[in-house]
PDB file of all heavy atoms in Angstrom:
ATOM      1  N   LEU A   1       9.046 -20.270 -56.121  1.00  0.00           N
ATOM      2  CA  LEU A   1       9.987 -21.383 -55.888  1.00  0.00           C
ATOM      3  C   LEU A   1      10.122 -21.614 -54.228  1.00  0.00           C
ATOM      4  O   LEU A   1      10.260 -22.665 -53.789  1.00  0.00           O
ATOM      5  CB  LEU A   1      11.316 -21.009 -56.453  1.00  0.00           C
ATOM      6  CG  LEU A   1      12.450 -22.049 -56.233  1.00  0.00           C
ATOM      7  CD1 LEU A   1      12.080 -23.426 -56.782  1.00  0.00           C
ATOM      8  CD2 LEU A   1      13.753 -21.522 -56.962  1.00  0.00           C
ATOM      9  N   ARG A   2      10.121 -20.473 -53.649  1.00  0.00           N
ATOM     10  CA  ARG A   2      10.295 -20.427 -52.177  1.00  0.00           C
ATOM     11  C   ARG A   2       9.058 -21.331 -51.627  1.00  0.00           C
ATOM     12  O   ARG A   2       9.241 -22.016 -50.560  1.00  0.00           O
ATOM     13  CB  ARG A   2      10.316 -19.052 -51.612  1.00  0.00           C
ATOM     14  CG  ARG A   2      10.447 -18.820 -50.185  1.00  0.00           C
ATOM     15  CD  ARG A   2       9.084 -18.847 -49.388  1.00  0.00           C
ATOM     16  NE  ARG A   2       8.088 -17.982 -49.889  1.00  0.00           N
ATOM     17  CZ  ARG A   2       7.970 -16.682 -49.793  1.00  0.00           C
ATOM     18  NH1 ARG A   2       8.894 -16.025 -49.045  1.00  0.00           N
ATOM     19  NH2 ARG A   2       7.000 -15.990 -50.377  1.00  0.00           N
ATOM     20  N   ASP A   3       7.881 -20.973 -52.023  1.00  0.00           N
ATOM     21  CA  ASP A   3       6.671 -21.524 -51.576  1.00  0.00           C
ATOM     22  C   ASP A   3       6.721 -23.119 -51.786  1.00  0.00           C
ATOM     23  O   ASP A   3       6.242 -23.883 -50.974  1.00  0.00           O
ATOM     24  CB  ASP A   3       5.398 -21.068 -52.234  1.00  0.00           C
ATOM     25  CG  ASP A   3       5.201 -19.586 -51.724  1.00  0.00           C
ATOM     26  OD1 ASP A   3       5.796 -19.123 -50.714  1.00  0.00           O
ATOM     27  OD2 ASP A   3       4.418 -18.866 -52.376  1.00  0.00           O
ATOM     28  N   ALA A   4       7.162 -23.403 -52.940  1.00  0.00           N
ATOM     29  CA  ALA A   4       7.225 -24.801 -53.244  1.00  0.00           C
ATOM     30  C   ALA A   4       8.223 -25.686 -52.268  1.00  0.00           C
ATOM     31  O   ALA A   4       8.053 -26.756 -51.860  1.00  0.00           O
ATOM     32  CB  ALA A   4       7.587 -25.117 -54.702  1.00  0.00           C
ATOM     33  N   ILE A   5       9.436 -25.000 -52.030  1.00  0.00           N
ATOM     34  CA  ILE A   5      10.378 -25.473 -51.169  1.00  0.00           C
ATOM     35  C   ILE A   5       9.894 -25.546 -49.731  1.00  0.00           C
ATOM     36  O   ILE A   5      10.048 -26.679 -49.031  1.00  0.00           O
ATOM     37  CB  ILE A   5      11.750 -24.665 -51.132  1.00  0.00           C
ATOM     38  CG1 ILE A   5      12.274 -24.768 -52.564  1.00  0.00           C
ATOM     39  CG2 ILE A   5      12.677 -25.084 -50.148  1.00  0.00           C
ATOM     40  CD1 ILE A   5      13.400 -23.726 -52.785  1.00  0.00           C
ATOM     41  N   GLN A   6       9.114 -24.429 -49.272  1.00  0.00           N
ATOM     42  CA  GLN A   6       8.470 -24.428 -47.948  1.00  0.00           C
ATOM     43  C   GLN A   6       7.574 -25.640 -47.752  1.00  0.00           C
ATOM     44  O   GLN A   6       7.618 -26.201 -46.694  1.00  0.00           O
ATOM     45  CB  GLN A   6       7.882 -23.136 -47.785  1.00  0.00           C
ATOM     46  CG  GLN A   6       7.414 -22.870 -46.273  1.00  0.00           C
ATOM     47  CD  GLN A   6       8.658 -22.749 -45.287  1.00  0.00           C
ATOM     48  OE1 GLN A   6       9.389 -21.649 -45.462  1.00  0.00           O
ATOM     49  NE2 GLN A   6       8.801 -23.645 -44.399  1.00  0.00           N
ATOM     50  N   ASP A   7       6.839 -25.894 -48.757  1.00  0.00           N
ATOM     51  CA  ASP A   7       5.903 -26.959 -48.577  1.00  0.00           C
ATOM     52  C   ASP A   7       6.551 -28.319 -48.552  1.00  0.00           C
ATOM     53  O   ASP A   7       6.221 -29.229 -47.753  1.00  0.00           O
ATOM     54  CB  ASP A   7       4.988 -27.087 -49.869  1.00  0.00           C
ATOM     55  CG  ASP A   7       4.002 -25.959 -49.952  1.00  0.00           C
ATOM     56  OD1 ASP A   7       3.748 -25.399 -48.937  1.00  0.00           O
ATOM     57  OD2 ASP A   7       3.417 -25.676 -51.066  1.00  0.00           O
ATOM     58  N   GLN A   8       7.634 -28.564 -49.244  1.00  0.00           N
ATOM     59  CA  GLN A   8       8.469 -29.673 -49.193  1.00  0.00           C
ATOM     60  C   GLN A   8       9.117 -29.844 -47.764  1.00  0.00           C
ATOM     61  O   GLN A   8       9.188 -30.886 -47.182  1.00  0.00           O
ATOM     62  CB  GLN A   8       9.559 -29.734 -50.300  1.00  0.00           C
ATOM     63  CG  GLN A   8       8.975 -29.845 -51.746  1.00  0.00           C
ATOM     64  CD  GLN A   8       8.502 -31.216 -52.032  1.00  0.00           C
ATOM     65  OE1 GLN A   8       9.283 -32.152 -52.018  1.00  0.00           O
ATOM     66  NE2 GLN A   8       7.349 -31.283 -52.462  1.00  0.00           N
ATOM     67  N   LEU A   9       9.619 -28.691 -47.291  1.00  0.00           N
ATOM     68  CA  LEU A   9      10.214 -28.827 -45.934  1.00  0.00           C
ATOM     69  C   LEU A   9       9.183 -29.105 -44.902  1.00  0.00           C
ATOM     70  O   LEU A   9       9.479 -29.922 -43.976  1.00  0.00           O
ATOM     71  CB  LEU A   9      10.825 -27.393 -45.696  1.00  0.00           C
ATOM     72  CG  LEU A   9      12.058 -27.125 -46.315  1.00  0.00           C
ATOM     73  CD1 LEU A   9      12.472 -25.578 -46.195  1.00  0.00           C
ATOM     74  CD2 LEU A   9      13.269 -27.915 -45.998  1.00  0.00           C
ATOM     75  N   THR A  10       8.165 -28.480 -45.046  1.00  0.00           N
ATOM     76  CA  THR A  10       7.007 -28.687 -43.918  1.00  0.00           C
ATOM     77  C   THR A  10       6.481 -30.116 -43.950  1.00  0.00           C
ATOM     78  O   THR A  10       6.245 -30.704 -42.934  1.00  0.00           O
ATOM     79  CB  THR A  10       5.836 -27.707 -44.169  1.00  0.00           C
ATOM     80  OG1 THR A  10       6.193 -26.361 -44.224  1.00  0.00           O
ATOM     81  CG2 THR A  10       4.691 -27.907 -43.234  1.00  0.00           C
ATOM     82  N   GLU A  11       6.435 -30.665 -45.154  1.00  0.00           N
ATOM     83  CA  GLU A  11       5.941 -32.140 -45.200  1.00  0.00           C
ATOM     84  C   GLU A  11       7.033 -33.085 -44.940  1.00  0.00           C
ATOM     85  O   GLU A  11       6.777 -34.298 -45.060  1.00  0.00           O
ATOM     86  CB  GLU A  11       5.324 -32.297 -46.646  1.00  0.00           C
ATOM     87  CG  GLU A  11       4.103 -31.458 -46.976  1.00  0.00           C
ATOM     88  CD  GLU A  11       3.743 -31.503 -48.345  1.00  0.00           C
ATOM     89  OE1 GLU A  11       4.319 -32.369 -49.147  1.00  0.00           O
ATOM     90  OE2 GLU A  11       2.792 -30.847 -48.795  1.00  0.00           O
ATOM     91  N   GLY A  12       8.307 -32.604 -44.683  1.00  0.00           N
ATOM     92  CA  GLY A  12       9.327 -33.545 -44.325  1.00  0.00           C
ATOM     93  C   GLY A  12       9.881 -34.281 -45.571  1.00  0.00           C
ATOM     94  O   GLY A  12      10.511 -35.331 -45.408  1.00  0.00           O
ATOM     95  N   LYS A  13       9.705 -33.738 -46.783  1.00  0.00           N
ATOM     96  CA  LYS A  13      10.201 -34.379 -47.960  1.00  0.00           C
ATOM     97  C   LYS A  13      11.659 -34.044 -48.357  1.00  0.00           C
ATOM     98  O   LYS A  13      12.096 -34.605 -49.390  1.00  0.00           O
ATOM     99  CB  LYS A  13       9.271 -34.164 -49.120  1.00  0.00           C
ATOM    100  CG  LYS A  13       7.838 -34.705 -48.788  1.00  0.00           C
ATOM    101  CD  LYS A  13       6.897 -34.478 -49.997  1.00  0.00           C
ATOM    102  CE  LYS A  13       5.583 -35.130 -49.791  1.00  0.00           C
ATOM    103  NZ  LYS A  13       4.551 -34.809 -50.952  1.00  0.00           N
ATOM    104  N   LEU A  14      12.237 -33.063 -47.696  1.00  0.00           N
ATOM    105  CA  LEU A  14      13.607 -32.794 -47.987  1.00  0.00           C
ATOM    106  C   LEU A  14      14.486 -33.145 -46.849  1.00  0.00           C
ATOM    107  O   LEU A  14      14.040 -33.036 -45.695  1.00  0.00           O
ATOM    108  CB  LEU A  14      13.792 -31.259 -48.233  1.00  0.00           C
ATOM    109  CG  LEU A  14      12.952 -30.718 -49.525  1.00  0.00           C
ATOM    110  CD1 LEU A  14      13.065 -29.307 -49.616  1.00  0.00           C
ATOM    111  CD2 LEU A  14      13.470 -31.435 -50.757  1.00  0.00           C
ATOM    112  N   PRO A  15      15.741 -33.489 -47.139  1.00  0.00           N
ATOM    113  CA  PRO A  15      16.580 -33.888 -45.910  1.00  0.00           C
ATOM    114  C   PRO A  15      17.143 -32.710 -45.105  1.00  0.00           C
ATOM    115  O   PRO A  15      18.033 -32.053 -45.539  1.00  0.00           O
ATOM    116  CB  PRO A  15      17.853 -34.613 -46.723  1.00  0.00           C
ATOM    117  CG  PRO A  15      17.787 -33.969 -48.068  1.00  0.00           C
ATOM    118  CD  PRO A  15      16.397 -33.656 -48.422  1.00  0.00           C
ATOM    119  N   THR A  16      16.543 -32.571 -44.008  1.00  0.00           N
ATOM    120  CA  THR A  16      16.914 -31.457 -43.153  1.00  0.00           C
ATOM    121  C   THR A  16      17.671 -31.996 -41.842  1.00  0.00           C
ATOM    122  O   THR A  16      17.936 -31.093 -41.038  1.00  0.00           O
ATOM    123  CB  THR A  16      15.722 -30.563 -42.738  1.00  0.00           C
ATOM    124  OG1 THR A  16      14.821 -31.486 -42.094  1.00  0.00           O
ATOM    125  CG2 THR A  16      15.094 -30.038 -44.041  1.00  0.00           C
ATOM    126  N   ALA A  17      17.951 -33.165 -41.682  1.00  0.00           N
ATOM    127  CA  ALA A  17      18.478 -33.739 -40.481  1.00  0.00           C
ATOM    128  C   ALA A  17      20.007 -33.105 -40.416  1.00  0.00           C
ATOM    129  O   ALA A  17      20.737 -33.201 -41.457  1.00  0.00           O
ATOM    130  CB  ALA A  17      18.562 -35.180 -40.473  1.00  0.00           C
ATOM    131  N   ALA A  18      20.297 -32.648 -39.224  1.00  0.00           N
ATOM    132  CA  ALA A  18      21.730 -32.129 -39.033  1.00  0.00           C
ATOM    133  C   ALA A  18      22.640 -33.222 -39.083  1.00  0.00           C
ATOM    134  O   ALA A  18      22.554 -34.422 -38.700  1.00  0.00           O
ATOM    135  CB  ALA A  18      21.750 -31.486 -37.711  1.00  0.00           C
ATOM    136  N   VAL A  19      23.894 -32.916 -39.721  1.00  0.00           N
ATOM    137  CA  VAL A  19      25.009 -33.772 -39.646  1.00  0.00           C
ATOM    138  C   VAL A  19      25.936 -33.401 -38.545  1.00  0.00           C
ATOM    139  O   VAL A  19      26.598 -32.426 -38.621  1.00  0.00           O
ATOM    140  CB  VAL A  19      25.770 -33.785 -41.025  1.00  0.00           C
ATOM    141  CG1 VAL A  19      26.944 -34.662 -41.015  1.00  0.00           C
ATOM    142  CG2 VAL A  19      24.794 -34.052 -42.165  1.00  0.00           C
ATOM    143  N   ARG A  20      25.882 -34.120 -37.508  1.00  0.00           N
ATOM    144  CA  ARG A  20      26.551 -33.849 -36.234  1.00  0.00           C
ATOM    145  C   ARG A  20      27.997 -34.313 -36.103  1.00  0.00           C
ATOM    146  O   ARG A  20      28.252 -35.326 -36.602  1.00  0.00           O
ATOM    147  CB  ARG A  20      25.743 -34.257 -35.010  1.00  0.00           C
ATOM    148  CG  ARG A  20      24.371 -33.822 -35.073  1.00  0.00           C
ATOM    149  CD  ARG A  20      23.657 -34.236 -33.825  1.00  0.00           C
ATOM    150  NE  ARG A  20      22.232 -33.711 -33.851  1.00  0.00           N
ATOM    151  CZ  ARG A  20      21.426 -33.715 -32.823  1.00  0.00           C
ATOM    152  NH1 ARG A  20      21.898 -34.412 -31.752  1.00  0.00           N
ATOM    153  NH2 ARG A  20      20.241 -33.285 -32.896  1.00  0.00           N
ATOM    154  N   LYS A  21      28.823 -33.446 -35.553  1.00  0.00           N
ATOM    155  CA  LYS A  21      30.202 -33.831 -35.353  1.00  0.00           C
ATOM    156  C   LYS A  21      30.241 -34.693 -34.067  1.00  0.00           C
ATOM    157  O   LYS A  21      29.599 -34.589 -33.164  1.00  0.00           O
ATOM    158  CB  LYS A  21      31.011 -32.598 -35.174  1.00  0.00           C
ATOM    159  CG  LYS A  21      31.147 -31.770 -36.414  1.00  0.00           C
ATOM    160  CD  LYS A  21      32.025 -30.590 -36.219  1.00  0.00           C
ATOM    161  CE  LYS A  21      32.152 -29.654 -37.390  1.00  0.00           C
ATOM    162  NZ  LYS A  21      32.878 -28.434 -37.051  1.00  0.00           N
ATOM    163  N   ALA A  22      31.096 -35.689 -34.076  1.00  0.00           N
ATOM    164  CA  ALA A  22      31.216 -36.605 -33.046  1.00  0.00           C
ATOM    165  C   ALA A  22      31.537 -36.010 -31.867  1.00  0.00           C
ATOM    166  O   ALA A  22      31.108 -36.416 -30.694  1.00  0.00           O
ATOM    167  CB  ALA A  22      32.215 -37.727 -33.397  1.00  0.00           C
ATOM    168  N   GLN A  23      32.430 -35.002 -31.793  1.00  0.00           N
ATOM    169  CA  GLN A  23      32.793 -34.374 -30.419  1.00  0.00           C
ATOM    170  C   GLN A  23      31.788 -33.390 -29.889  1.00  0.00           C
ATOM    171  O   GLN A  23      31.872 -32.984 -28.781  1.00  0.00           O
ATOM    172  CB  GLN A  23      34.090 -33.460 -30.718  1.00  0.00           C
ATOM    173  CG  GLN A  23      33.856 -32.263 -31.632  1.00  0.00           C
ATOM    174  CD  GLN A  23      34.382 -32.696 -33.027  1.00  0.00           C
ATOM    175  OE1 GLN A  23      34.012 -33.786 -33.509  1.00  0.00           O
ATOM    176  NE2 GLN A  23      34.756 -31.678 -33.851  1.00  0.00           N
ATOM    177  N   GLU A  24      30.673 -33.191 -30.581  1.00  0.00           N
ATOM    178  CA  GLU A  24      29.556 -32.230 -30.013  1.00  0.00           C
ATOM    179  C   GLU A  24      28.873 -33.068 -28.988  1.00  0.00           C
ATOM    180  O   GLU A  24      28.477 -34.144 -29.215  1.00  0.00           O
ATOM    181  CB  GLU A  24      28.653 -31.819 -31.093  1.00  0.00           C
ATOM    182  CG  GLU A  24      29.154 -30.968 -32.133  1.00  0.00           C
ATOM    183  CD  GLU A  24      28.255 -30.453 -33.191  1.00  0.00           C
ATOM    184  OE1 GLU A  24      27.322 -31.224 -33.375  1.00  0.00           O
ATOM    185  OE2 GLU A  24      28.338 -29.396 -33.820  1.00  0.00           O
ATOM    186  N   LYS A  25      28.757 -32.406 -27.801  1.00  0.00           N
ATOM    187  CA  LYS A  25      27.950 -33.009 -26.697  1.00  0.00           C
ATOM    188  C   LYS A  25      26.646 -32.387 -26.649  1.00  0.00           C
ATOM    189  O   LYS A  25      26.476 -31.307 -25.872  1.00  0.00           O
ATOM    190  CB  LYS A  25      28.766 -32.818 -25.432  1.00  0.00           C
ATOM    191  CG  LYS A  25      30.047 -33.595 -25.355  1.00  0.00           C
ATOM    192  CD  LYS A  25      30.796 -33.465 -24.043  1.00  0.00           C
ATOM    193  CE  LYS A  25      32.082 -34.280 -23.954  1.00  0.00           C
ATOM    194  NZ  LYS A  25      32.767 -34.116 -22.699  1.00  0.00           N
ATOM    195  N   LEU A  26      25.640 -32.994 -27.439  1.00  0.00           N
ATOM    196  CA  LEU A  26      24.279 -32.272 -27.493  1.00  0.00           C
ATOM    197  C   LEU A  26      23.410 -33.190 -26.657  1.00  0.00           C
ATOM    198  O   LEU A  26      23.492 -34.433 -26.690  1.00  0.00           O
ATOM    199  CB  LEU A  26      23.922 -32.199 -28.966  1.00  0.00           C
ATOM    200  CG  LEU A  26      24.821 -31.355 -29.844  1.00  0.00           C
ATOM    201  CD1 LEU A  26      24.232 -31.454 -31.270  1.00  0.00           C
ATOM    202  CD2 LEU A  26      24.832 -29.952 -29.304  1.00  0.00           C
TER     203      LEU A  26
END
């Protein structure tokens, strides 16, 4: 299961974008 998830993460097929707070100054 881990390997299948890792493949999906590597290929960009899972939503990994950070949800940022408005007050964060990044």
